[in-house]
Amino acid sequence: MDFNQLEAFLTAQTKKQGGITSDQAAVISKFWKSHKAKIRESLMNQSRWDSGLRGLSWRVDGKSQSRHSAQIHTPVAIMELEIGKSGQADALTAEPNRPGRAIIFIQ
């Protein structure tokens, strides 16, 4: 709810019989302005069923040893994804062994 929607809602509630007073509307408006981000974050965390991406790191390595000389100095991208809900996290590391394929390690 943006600020204009909030103002329209509070105005309608003050005009409604048995609704809220202007002072109560001002307090609600001030509270919403101060805590909108926290309220939104809390609602998002409570409504998310699956894990979310908590962090991402990556690097590119060059192979210095290999069974086949053609693979030496071949760049290899390594990605680490940290997934989980708030308070818990698992790390997935993906290392491509061939173009289009990856080995995934779960830690």
PDB file of N, CA and C in Angstrom:
ATOM      1  N   MET A   1       0.858  -1.169   0.000  1.00  0.00           N
ATOM      2  CA  MET A   1       0.000   0.000   0.000  1.00  0.00           C
ATOM      3  C   MET A   1       0.906   1.234   0.000  1.00  0.00           C
ATOM      4  N   ASP A   2       0.731   2.101  -0.989  1.00  0.00           N
ATOM      5  CA  ASP A   2       1.527   3.328  -0.999  1.00  0.00           C
ATOM      6  C   ASP A   2       0.847   4.392  -0.132  1.00  0.00           C
ATOM      7  N   PHE A   3       1.518   5.527  -0.001  1.00  0.00           N
ATOM      8  CA  PHE A   3       1.040   6.556   0.918  1.00  0.00           C
ATOM      9  C   PHE A   3      -0.318   7.125   0.495  1.00  0.00           C
ATOM     10  N   ASN A   4      -0.547   7.308  -0.809  1.00  0.00           N
ATOM     11  CA  ASN A   4      -1.836   7.835  -1.283  1.00  0.00           C
ATOM     12  C   ASN A   4      -2.986   6.876  -0.974  1.00  0.00           C
ATOM     13  N   GLN A   5      -2.746   5.589  -1.155  1.00  0.00           N
ATOM     14  CA  GLN A   5      -3.772   4.596  -0.821  1.00  0.00           C
ATOM     15  C   GLN A   5      -4.062   4.602   0.676  1.00  0.00           C
ATOM     16  N   LEU A   6      -3.007   4.739   1.480  1.00  0.00           N
ATOM     17  CA  LEU A   6      -3.182   4.789   2.933  1.00  0.00           C
ATOM     18  C   LEU A   6      -4.023   5.994   3.335  1.00  0.00           C
ATOM     19  N   GLU A   7      -3.709   7.148   2.772  1.00  0.00           N
ATOM     20  CA  GLU A   7      -4.465   8.362   3.093  1.00  0.00           C
ATOM     21  C   GLU A   7      -5.936   8.219   2.696  1.00  0.00           C
ATOM     22  N   ALA A   8      -6.193   7.654   1.524  1.00  0.00           N
ATOM     23  CA  ALA A   8      -7.579   7.453   1.081  1.00  0.00           C
ATOM     24  C   ALA A   8      -8.310   6.488   2.014  1.00  0.00           C
ATOM     25  N   PHE A   9      -7.637   5.417   2.405  1.00  0.00           N
ATOM     26  CA  PHE A   9      -8.254   4.446   3.312  1.00  0.00           C
ATOM     27  C   PHE A   9      -8.551   5.075   4.668  1.00  0.00           C
ATOM     28  N   LEU A  10      -7.583   5.811   5.219  1.00  0.00           N
ATOM     29  CA  LEU A  10      -7.779   6.427   6.535  1.00  0.00           C
ATOM     30  C   LEU A  10      -8.865   7.500   6.494  1.00  0.00           C
ATOM     31  N   THR A  11      -8.933   8.260   5.410  1.00  0.00           N
ATOM     32  CA  THR A  11      -9.989   9.269   5.262  1.00  0.00           C
ATOM     33  C   THR A  11     -11.358   8.600   5.239  1.00  0.00           C
ATOM     34  N   ALA A  12     -11.473   7.505   4.501  1.00  0.00           N
ATOM     35  CA  ALA A  12     -12.744   6.770   4.449  1.00  0.00           C
ATOM     36  C   ALA A  12     -13.112   6.222   5.829  1.00  0.00           C
ATOM     37  N   GLN A  13     -12.116   5.776   6.581  1.00  0.00           N
ATOM     38  CA  GLN A  13     -12.384   5.227   7.913  1.00  0.00           C
ATOM     39  C   GLN A  13     -12.810   6.313   8.903  1.00  0.00           C
ATOM     40  N   THR A  14     -12.296   7.537   8.747  1.00  0.00           N
ATOM     41  CA  THR A  14     -12.693   8.623   9.652  1.00  0.00           C
ATOM     42  C   THR A  14     -14.111   9.101   9.351  1.00  0.00           C
ATOM     43  N   LYS A  15     -14.531   9.012   8.085  1.00  0.00           N
ATOM     44  CA  LYS A  15     -15.874   9.456   7.710  1.00  0.00           C
ATOM     45  C   LYS A  15     -16.934   8.400   8.013  1.00  0.00           C
ATOM     46  N   LYS A  16     -16.504   7.166   8.147  1.00  0.00           N
ATOM     47  CA  LYS A  16     -17.427   6.062   8.401  1.00  0.00           C
ATOM     48  C   LYS A  16     -17.942   6.122   9.841  1.00  0.00           C
ATOM     49  N   GLN A  17     -19.238   5.866  10.018  1.00  0.00           N
ATOM     50  CA  GLN A  17     -19.806   5.880  11.361  1.00  0.00           C
ATOM     51  C   GLN A  17     -19.209   4.725  12.166  1.00  0.00           C
ATOM     52  N   GLY A  18     -18.719   5.050  13.363  1.00  0.00           N
ATOM     53  CA  GLY A  18     -18.070   4.046  14.206  1.00  0.00           C
ATOM     54  C   GLY A  18     -16.643   3.763  13.774  1.00  0.00           C
ATOM     55  N   GLY A  19     -16.113   4.604  12.900  1.00  0.00           N
ATOM     56  CA  GLY A  19     -14.748   4.433  12.407  1.00  0.00           C
ATOM     57  C   GLY A  19     -13.727   4.998  13.380  1.00  0.00           C
ATOM     58  N   ILE A  20     -12.607   5.435  12.851  1.00  0.00           N
ATOM     59  CA  ILE A  20     -11.529   5.953  13.692  1.00  0.00           C
ATOM     60  C   ILE A  20     -11.558   7.477  13.721  1.00  0.00           C
ATOM     61  N   THR A  21     -10.887   8.041  14.725  1.00  0.00           N
ATOM     62  CA  THR A  21     -10.807   9.500  14.832  1.00  0.00           C
ATOM     63  C   THR A  21      -9.649  10.010  13.983  1.00  0.00           C
ATOM     64  N   SER A  22      -9.595  11.321  13.803  1.00  0.00           N
ATOM     65  CA  SER A  22      -8.503  11.933  13.037  1.00  0.00           C
ATOM     66  C   SER A  22      -7.163  11.714  13.724  1.00  0.00           C
ATOM     67  N   ASP A  23      -7.164  11.760  15.055  1.00  0.00           N
ATOM     68  CA  ASP A  23      -5.923  11.519  15.801  1.00  0.00           C
ATOM     69  C   ASP A  23      -5.432  10.084  15.601  1.00  0.00           C
ATOM     70  N   GLN A  24      -6.357   9.135  15.627  1.00  0.00           N
ATOM     71  CA  GLN A  24      -5.982   7.739  15.400  1.00  0.00           C
ATOM     72  C   GLN A  24      -5.444   7.545  13.984  1.00  0.00           C
ATOM     73  N   ALA A  25      -6.063   8.213  13.018  1.00  0.00           N
ATOM     74  CA  ALA A  25      -5.599   8.131  11.634  1.00  0.00           C
ATOM     75  C   ALA A  25      -4.192   8.698  11.505  1.00  0.00           C
ATOM     76  N   ALA A  26      -3.907   9.790  12.207  1.00  0.00           N
ATOM     77  CA  ALA A  26      -2.570  10.386  12.165  1.00  0.00           C
ATOM     78  C   ALA A  26      -1.529   9.442  12.761  1.00  0.00           C
ATOM     79  N   VAL A  27      -1.882   8.779  13.856  1.00  0.00           N
ATOM     80  CA  VAL A  27      -0.955   7.828  14.488  1.00  0.00           C
ATOM     81  C   VAL A  27      -0.693   6.636  13.567  1.00  0.00           C
ATOM     82  N   ILE A  28      -1.746   6.111  12.949  1.00  0.00           N
ATOM     83  CA  ILE A  28      -1.585   4.982  12.024  1.00  0.00           C
ATOM     84  C   ILE A  28      -0.714   5.388  10.839  1.00  0.00           C
ATOM     85  N   SER A  29      -0.942   6.575  10.303  1.00  0.00           N
ATOM     86  CA  SER A  29      -0.158   7.070   9.177  1.00  0.00           C
ATOM     87  C   SER A  29       1.315   7.210   9.551  1.00  0.00           C
ATOM     88  N   LYS A  30       1.577   7.778  10.716  1.00  0.00           N
ATOM     89  CA  LYS A  30       2.964   7.952  11.174  1.00  0.00           C
ATOM     90  C   LYS A  30       3.635   6.595  11.384  1.00  0.00           C
ATOM     91  N   PHE A  31       2.903   5.651  11.988  1.00  0.00           N
ATOM     92  CA  PHE A  31       3.443   4.309  12.213  1.00  0.00           C
ATOM     93  C   PHE A  31       3.784   3.643  10.881  1.00  0.00           C
ATOM     94  N   TRP A  32       2.874   3.756   9.899  1.00  0.00           N
ATOM     95  CA  TRP A  32       3.100   3.138   8.593  1.00  0.00           C
ATOM     96  C   TRP A  32       4.321   3.736   7.908  1.00  0.00           C
ATOM     97  N   LYS A  33       4.472   5.057   7.972  1.00  0.00           N
ATOM     98  CA  LYS A  33       5.635   5.705   7.361  1.00  0.00           C
ATOM     99  C   LYS A  33       6.931   5.219   7.995  1.00  0.00           C
ATOM    100  N   SER A  34       6.925   5.048   9.311  1.00  0.00           N
ATOM    101  CA  SER A  34       8.140   4.661  10.034  1.00  0.00           C
ATOM    102  C   SER A  34       8.508   3.191   9.844  1.00  0.00           C
ATOM    103  N   HIS A  35       7.520   2.333   9.708  1.00  0.00           N
ATOM    104  CA  HIS A  35       7.783   0.896   9.740  1.00  0.00           C
ATOM    105  C   HIS A  35       7.380   0.147   8.473  1.00  0.00           C
ATOM    106  N   LYS A  36       7.132   0.854   7.387  1.00  0.00           N
ATOM    107  CA  LYS A  36       6.664   0.207   6.160  1.00  0.00           C
ATOM    108  C   LYS A  36       7.645  -0.861   5.668  1.00  0.00           C
ATOM    109  N   ALA A  37       8.933  -0.557   5.648  1.00  0.00           N
ATOM    110  CA  ALA A  37       9.931  -1.513   5.146  1.00  0.00           C
ATOM    111  C   ALA A  37       9.999  -2.760   6.029  1.00  0.00           C
ATOM    112  N   LYS A  38       9.950  -2.568   7.338  1.00  0.00           N
ATOM    113  CA  LYS A  38      10.010  -3.714   8.258  1.00  0.00           C
ATOM    114  C   LYS A  38       8.768  -4.592   8.125  1.00  0.00           C
ATOM    115  N   ILE A  39       7.614  -3.965   7.987  1.00  0.00           N
ATOM    116  CA  ILE A  39       6.363  -4.716   7.842  1.00  0.00           C
ATOM    117  C   ILE A  39       6.386  -5.525   6.547  1.00  0.00           C
ATOM    118  N   ARG A  40       6.820  -4.891   5.460  1.00  0.00           N
ATOM    119  CA  ARG A  40       6.884  -5.575   4.168  1.00  0.00           C
ATOM    120  C   ARG A  40       7.845  -6.760   4.231  1.00  0.00           C
ATOM    121  N   GLU A  41       9.027  -6.548   4.804  1.00  0.00           N
ATOM    122  CA  GLU A  41      10.016  -7.623   4.909  1.00  0.00           C
ATOM    123  C   GLU A  41       9.480  -8.787   5.746  1.00  0.00           C
ATOM    124  N   SER A  42       8.824  -8.473   6.846  1.00  0.00           N
ATOM    125  CA  SER A  42       8.257  -9.513   7.702  1.00  0.00           C
ATOM    126  C   SER A  42       7.184 -10.311   6.965  1.00  0.00           C
ATOM    127  N   LEU A  43       6.313  -9.626   6.244  1.00  0.00           N
ATOM    128  CA  LEU A  43       5.267 -10.317   5.484  1.00  0.00           C
ATOM    129  C   LEU A  43       5.859 -11.184   4.376  1.00  0.00           C
ATOM    130  N   MET A  44       6.894 -10.692   3.708  1.00  0.00           N
ATOM    131  CA  MET A  44       7.543 -11.472   2.655  1.00  0.00           C
ATOM    132  C   MET A  44       8.185 -12.732   3.229  1.00  0.00           C
ATOM    133  N   ASN A  45       8.857 -12.603   4.375  1.00  0.00           N
ATOM    134  CA  ASN A  45       9.496 -13.766   4.997  1.00  0.00           C
ATOM    135  C   ASN A  45       8.474 -14.795   5.454  1.00  0.00           C
ATOM    136  N   GLN A  46       7.327 -14.339   5.923  1.00  0.00           N
ATOM    137  CA  GLN A  46       6.298 -15.259   6.396  1.00  0.00           C
ATOM    138  C   GLN A  46       5.546 -15.927   5.248  1.00  0.00           C
ATOM    139  N   SER A  47       5.497 -15.288   4.084  1.00  0.00           N
ATOM    140  CA  SER A  47       4.718 -15.837   2.975  1.00  0.00           C
ATOM    141  C   SER A  47       5.560 -16.656   2.004  1.00  0.00           C
ATOM    142  N   ARG A  48       6.867 -16.686   2.180  1.00  0.00           N
ATOM    143  CA  ARG A  48       7.744 -17.429   1.273  1.00  0.00           C
ATOM    144  C   ARG A  48       7.810 -18.883   1.726  1.00  0.00           C
ATOM    145  N   TRP A  49       7.440 -19.802   0.863  1.00  0.00           N
ATOM    146  CA  TRP A  49       7.454 -21.223   1.210  1.00  0.00           C
ATOM    147  C   TRP A  49       8.795 -21.854   0.902  1.00  0.00           C
ATOM    148  N   ASP A  50       9.378 -21.482  -0.207  1.00  0.00           N
ATOM    149  CA  ASP A  50      10.638 -22.085  -0.622  1.00  0.00           C
ATOM    150  C   ASP A  50      11.813 -21.256  -0.133  1.00  0.00           C
ATOM    151  N   SER A  51      12.972 -21.837  -0.258  1.00  0.00           N
ATOM    152  CA  SER A  51      14.193 -21.131   0.104  1.00  0.00           C
ATOM    153  C   SER A  51      14.458 -20.015  -0.897  1.00  0.00           C
ATOM    154  N   GLY A  52      15.158 -19.012  -0.446  1.00  0.00           N
ATOM    155  CA  GLY A  52      15.530 -17.908  -1.317  1.00  0.00           C
ATOM    156  C   GLY A  52      17.039 -17.809  -1.427  1.00  0.00           C
ATOM    157  N   LEU A  53      17.505 -17.050  -2.379  1.00  0.00           N
ATOM    158  CA  LEU A  53      18.938 -16.843  -2.570  1.00  0.00           C
ATOM    159  C   LEU A  53      19.435 -15.849  -1.532  1.00  0.00           C
ATOM    160  N   ARG A  54      20.339 -16.286  -0.656  1.00  0.00           N
ATOM    161  CA  ARG A  54      20.854 -15.442   0.421  1.00  0.00           C
ATOM    162  C   ARG A  54      22.192 -14.813   0.039  1.00  0.00           C
ATOM    163  N   GLY A  55      22.927 -15.451  -0.848  1.00  0.00           N
ATOM    164  CA  GLY A  55      24.221 -14.910  -1.246  1.00  0.00           C
ATOM    165  C   GLY A  55      24.746 -15.615  -2.487  1.00  0.00           C
ATOM    166  N   LEU A  56      25.664 -14.963  -3.181  1.00  0.00           N
ATOM    167  CA  LEU A  56      26.253 -15.504  -4.400  1.00  0.00           C
ATOM    168  C   LEU A  56      27.705 -15.064  -4.464  1.00  0.00           C
ATOM    169  N   SER A  57      28.599 -16.008  -4.715  1.00  0.00           N
ATOM    170  CA  SER A  57      29.999 -15.655  -4.962  1.00  0.00           C
ATOM    171  C   SER A  57      30.488 -16.508  -6.130  1.00  0.00           C
ATOM    172  N   TRP A  58      31.459 -16.003  -6.871  1.00  0.00           N
ATOM    173  CA  TRP A  58      31.961 -16.730  -8.021  1.00  0.00           C
ATOM    174  C   TRP A  58      33.407 -16.347  -8.272  1.00  0.00           C
ATOM    175  N   ARG A  59      34.085 -17.217  -9.001  1.00  0.00           N
ATOM    176  CA  ARG A  59      35.459 -16.923  -9.412  1.00  0.00           C
ATOM    177  C   ARG A  59      35.766 -17.734 -10.665  1.00  0.00           C
ATOM    178  N   VAL A  60      36.811 -17.338 -11.366  1.00  0.00           N
ATOM    179  CA  VAL A  60      37.266 -18.066 -12.545  1.00  0.00           C
ATOM    180  C   VAL A  60      38.681 -18.544 -12.259  1.00  0.00           C
ATOM    181  N   ASP A  61      38.895 -19.851 -12.345  1.00  0.00           N
ATOM    182  CA  ASP A  61      40.208 -20.455 -12.131  1.00  0.00           C
ATOM    183  C   ASP A  61      40.762 -20.928 -13.463  1.00  0.00           C
ATOM    184  N   GLY A  62      42.074 -21.071 -13.517  1.00  0.00           N
ATOM    185  CA  GLY A  62      42.724 -21.681 -14.675  1.00  0.00           C
ATOM    186  C   GLY A  62      43.311 -23.011 -14.255  1.00  0.00           C
ATOM    187  N   LYS A  63      43.037 -24.075 -15.012  1.00  0.00           N
ATOM    188  CA  LYS A  63      43.575 -25.395 -14.670  1.00  0.00           C
ATOM    189  C   LYS A  63      45.083 -25.393 -14.886  1.00  0.00           C
ATOM    190  N   SER A  64      45.809 -25.893 -13.886  1.00  0.00           N
ATOM    191  CA  SER A  64      47.266 -25.973 -14.022  1.00  0.00           C
ATOM    192  C   SER A  64      47.723 -27.413 -14.222  1.00  0.00           C
ATOM    193  N   GLN A  65      46.859 -28.385 -13.917  1.00  0.00           N
ATOM    194  CA  GLN A  65      47.180 -29.794 -14.137  1.00  0.00           C
ATOM    195  C   GLN A  65      45.959 -30.489 -14.719  1.00  0.00           C
ATOM    196  N   SER A  66      46.223 -31.434 -15.600  1.00  0.00           N
ATOM    197  CA  SER A  66      45.133 -32.192 -16.195  1.00  0.00           C
ATOM    198  C   SER A  66      45.689 -33.459 -16.822  1.00  0.00           C
ATOM    199  N   ARG A  67      44.829 -34.436 -17.029  1.00  0.00           N
ATOM    200  CA  ARG A  67      45.251 -35.673 -17.702  1.00  0.00           C
ATOM    201  C   ARG A  67      45.563 -35.404 -19.170  1.00  0.00           C
ATOM    202  N   HIS A  68      44.858 -34.456 -19.734  1.00  0.00           N
ATOM    203  CA  HIS A  68      45.034 -34.129 -21.154  1.00  0.00           C
ATOM    204  C   HIS A  68      45.625 -32.729 -21.260  1.00  0.00           C
ATOM    205  N   SER A  69      46.667 -32.585 -22.050  1.00  0.00           N
ATOM    206  CA  SER A  69      47.351 -31.294 -22.159  1.00  0.00           C
ATOM    207  C   SER A  69      46.458 -30.210 -22.763  1.00  0.00           C
ATOM    208  N   ALA A  70      45.448 -30.591 -23.519  1.00  0.00           N
ATOM    209  CA  ALA A  70      44.552 -29.601 -24.133  1.00  0.00           C
ATOM    210  C   ALA A  70      43.709 -28.883 -23.086  1.00  0.00           C
ATOM    211  N   GLN A  71      43.541 -29.502 -21.902  1.00  0.00           N
ATOM    212  CA  GLN A  71      42.716 -28.897 -20.860  1.00  0.00           C
ATOM    213  C   GLN A  71      43.503 -27.974 -19.931  1.00  0.00           C
ATOM    214  N   ILE A  72      44.823 -27.953 -20.041  1.00  0.00           N
ATOM    215  CA  ILE A  72      45.625 -27.080 -19.178  1.00  0.00           C
ATOM    216  C   ILE A  72      45.376 -25.631 -19.583  1.00  0.00           C
ATOM    217  N   HIS A  73      45.303 -24.774 -18.613  1.00  0.00           N
ATOM    218  CA  HIS A  73      45.042 -23.335 -18.775  1.00  0.00           C
ATOM    219  C   HIS A  73      43.644 -23.048 -19.320  1.00  0.00           C
ATOM    220  N   THR A  74      42.754 -24.009 -19.192  1.00  0.00           N
ATOM    221  CA  THR A  74      41.361 -23.800 -19.571  1.00  0.00           C
ATOM    222  C   THR A  74      40.655 -23.095 -18.416  1.00  0.00           C
ATOM    223  N   PRO A  75      39.984 -21.985 -18.662  1.00  0.00           N
ATOM    224  CA  PRO A  75      39.286 -21.307 -17.560  1.00  0.00           C
ATOM    225  C   PRO A  75      38.091 -22.126 -17.069  1.00  0.00           C
ATOM    226  N   VAL A  76      37.928 -22.141 -15.754  1.00  0.00           N
ATOM    227  CA  VAL A  76      36.825 -22.858 -15.120  1.00  0.00           C
ATOM    228  C   VAL A  76      36.121 -21.885 -14.189  1.00  0.00           C
ATOM    229  N   ALA A  77      34.820 -21.730 -14.368  1.00  0.00           N
ATOM    230  CA  ALA A  77      34.032 -20.847 -13.500  1.00  0.00           C
ATOM    231  C   ALA A  77      33.492 -21.661 -12.329  1.00  0.00           C
ATOM    232  N   ILE A  78      33.644 -21.132 -11.123  1.00  0.00           N
ATOM    233  CA  ILE A  78      33.124 -21.778  -9.921  1.00  0.00           C
ATOM    234  C   ILE A  78      32.160 -20.803  -9.265  1.00  0.00           C
ATOM    235  N   MET A  79      30.931 -21.278  -9.033  1.00  0.00           N
ATOM    236  CA  MET A  79      29.906 -20.441  -8.405  1.00  0.00           C
ATOM    237  C   MET A  79      29.476 -21.075  -7.098  1.00  0.00           C
ATOM    238  N   GLU A  80      29.271 -20.245  -6.073  1.00  0.00           N
ATOM    239  CA  GLU A  80      28.738 -20.724  -4.805  1.00  0.00           C
ATOM    240  C   GLU A  80      27.470 -19.945  -4.511  1.00  0.00           C
ATOM    241  N   LEU A  81      26.364 -20.673  -4.388  1.00  0.00           N
ATOM    242  CA  LEU A  81      25.066 -20.076  -4.090  1.00  0.00           C
ATOM    243  C   LEU A  81      24.704 -20.423  -2.658  1.00  0.00           C
ATOM    244  N   GLU A  82      24.338 -19.434  -1.882  1.00  0.00           N
ATOM    245  CA  GLU A  82      23.880 -19.661  -0.517  1.00  0.00           C
ATOM    246  C   GLU A  82      22.365 -19.514  -0.524  1.00  0.00           C
ATOM    247  N   ILE A  83      21.675 -20.613  -0.253  1.00  0.00           N
ATOM    248  CA  ILE A  83      20.216 -20.589  -0.281  1.00  0.00           C
ATOM    249  C   ILE A  83      19.669 -20.966   1.084  1.00  0.00           C
ATOM    250  N   GLY A  84      18.478 -20.505   1.378  1.00  0.00           N
ATOM    251  CA  GLY A  84      17.844 -20.864   2.638  1.00  0.00           C
ATOM    252  C   GLY A  84      16.843 -19.814   3.054  1.00  0.00           C
ATOM    253  N   LYS A  85      16.145 -20.116   4.123  1.00  0.00           N
ATOM    254  CA  LYS A  85      15.225 -19.159   4.720  1.00  0.00           C
ATOM    255  C   LYS A  85      15.985 -18.380   5.774  1.00  0.00           C
ATOM    256  N   SER A  86      15.356 -17.357   6.333  1.00  0.00           N
ATOM    257  CA  SER A  86      16.028 -16.572   7.356  1.00  0.00           C
ATOM    258  C   SER A  86      16.359 -17.469   8.542  1.00  0.00           C
ATOM    259  N   GLY A  87      17.595 -17.381   9.015  1.00  0.00           N
ATOM    260  CA  GLY A  87      18.036 -18.180  10.144  1.00  0.00           C
ATOM    261  C   GLY A  87      18.671 -19.501   9.755  1.00  0.00           C
ATOM    262  N   GLN A  88      18.562 -19.914   8.504  1.00  0.00           N
ATOM    263  CA  GLN A  88      19.185 -21.158   8.062  1.00  0.00           C
ATOM    264  C   GLN A  88      19.677 -20.966   6.639  1.00  0.00           C
ATOM    265  N   ALA A  89      20.743 -21.663   6.293  1.00  0.00           N
ATOM    266  CA  ALA A  89      21.270 -21.532   4.942  1.00  0.00           C
ATOM    267  C   ALA A  89      22.058 -22.783   4.570  1.00  0.00           C
ATOM    268  N   ASP A  90      22.030 -23.156   3.306  1.00  0.00           N
ATOM    269  CA  ASP A  90      22.827 -24.232   2.739  1.00  0.00           C
ATOM    270  C   ASP A  90      23.643 -23.626   1.612  1.00  0.00           C
ATOM    271  N   ALA A  91      24.819 -24.188   1.386  1.00  0.00           N
ATOM    272  CA  ALA A  91      25.668 -23.684   0.313  1.00  0.00           C
ATOM    273  C   ALA A  91      25.725 -24.708  -0.810  1.00  0.00           C
ATOM    274  N   LEU A  92      25.551 -24.262  -2.040  1.00  0.00           N
ATOM    275  CA  LEU A  92      25.696 -25.086  -3.231  1.00  0.00           C
ATOM    276  C   LEU A  92      26.868 -24.542  -4.023  1.00  0.00           C
ATOM    277  N   THR A  93      27.792 -25.417  -4.397  1.00  0.00           N
ATOM    278  CA  THR A  93      28.919 -25.006  -5.211  1.00  0.00           C
ATOM    279  C   THR A  93      28.807 -25.713  -6.552  1.00  0.00           C
ATOM    280  N   ALA A  94      28.856 -24.973  -7.629  1.00  0.00           N
ATOM    281  CA  ALA A  94      28.749 -25.546  -8.973  1.00  0.00           C
ATOM    282  C   ALA A  94      30.048 -25.307  -9.721  1.00  0.00           C
ATOM    283  N   GLU A  95      30.606 -26.393 -10.269  1.00  0.00           N
ATOM    284  CA  GLU A  95      31.833 -26.293 -11.053  1.00  0.00           C
ATOM    285  C   GLU A  95      31.606 -27.016 -12.374  1.00  0.00           C
ATOM    286  N   PRO A  96      31.579 -26.286 -13.482  1.00  0.00           N
ATOM    287  CA  PRO A  96      31.353 -26.942 -14.775  1.00  0.00           C
ATOM    288  C   PRO A  96      32.515 -27.865 -15.126  1.00  0.00           C
ATOM    289  N   ASN A  97      32.204 -29.110 -15.496  1.00  0.00           N
ATOM    290  CA  ASN A  97      33.267 -30.013 -15.932  1.00  0.00           C
ATOM    291  C   ASN A  97      33.326 -30.112 -17.454  1.00  0.00           C
ATOM    292  N   ARG A  98      32.257 -29.739 -18.117  1.00  0.00           N
ATOM    293  CA  ARG A  98      32.191 -29.655 -19.576  1.00  0.00           C
ATOM    294  C   ARG A  98      31.269 -28.497 -19.926  1.00  0.00           C
ATOM    295  N   PRO A  99      31.385 -27.921 -21.096  1.00  0.00           N
ATOM    296  CA  PRO A  99      30.462 -26.843 -21.458  1.00  0.00           C
ATOM    297  C   PRO A  99      29.013 -27.315 -21.372  1.00  0.00           C
ATOM    298  N   GLY A 100      28.205 -26.561 -20.658  1.00  0.00           N
ATOM    299  CA  GLY A 100      26.796 -26.892 -20.531  1.00  0.00           C
ATOM    300  C   GLY A 100      26.472 -27.851 -19.400  1.00  0.00           C
ATOM    301  N   ARG A 101      27.483 -28.346 -18.690  1.00  0.00           N
ATOM    302  CA  ARG A 101      27.253 -29.267 -17.572  1.00  0.00           C
ATOM    303  C   ARG A 101      28.025 -28.777 -16.364  1.00  0.00           C
ATOM    304  N   ALA A 102      27.529 -29.139 -15.197  1.00  0.00           N
ATOM    305  CA  ALA A 102      28.191 -28.696 -13.970  1.00  0.00           C
ATOM    306  C   ALA A 102      28.135 -29.795 -12.921  1.00  0.00           C
ATOM    307  N   ILE A 103      29.153 -29.826 -12.077  1.00  0.00           N
ATOM    308  CA  ILE A 103      29.155 -30.681 -10.895  1.00  0.00           C
ATOM    309  C   ILE A 103      28.689 -29.803  -9.747  1.00  0.00           C
ATOM    310  N   ILE A 104      27.721 -30.274  -8.973  1.00  0.00           N
ATOM    311  CA  ILE A 104      27.181 -29.465  -7.877  1.00  0.00           C
ATOM    312  C   ILE A 104      27.497 -30.157  -6.559  1.00  0.00           C
ATOM    313  N   PHE A 105      28.093 -29.394  -5.637  1.00  0.00           N
ATOM    314  CA  PHE A 105      28.426 -29.888  -4.308  1.00  0.00           C
ATOM    315  C   PHE A 105      27.511 -29.203  -3.304  1.00  0.00           C
ATOM    316  N   ILE A 106      26.851 -29.983  -2.470  1.00  0.00           N
ATOM    317  CA  ILE A 106      25.993 -29.423  -1.424  1.00  0.00           C
ATOM    318  C   ILE A 106      26.742 -29.527  -0.111  1.00  0.00           C
ATOM    319  N   GLN A 107      26.883 -28.388   0.560  1.00  0.00           N
ATOM    320  CA  GLN A 107      27.628 -28.355   1.828  1.00  0.00           C
ATOM    321  C   GLN A 107      26.686 -28.163   2.970  1.00  0.00           C
TER     322      GLN A 107
END
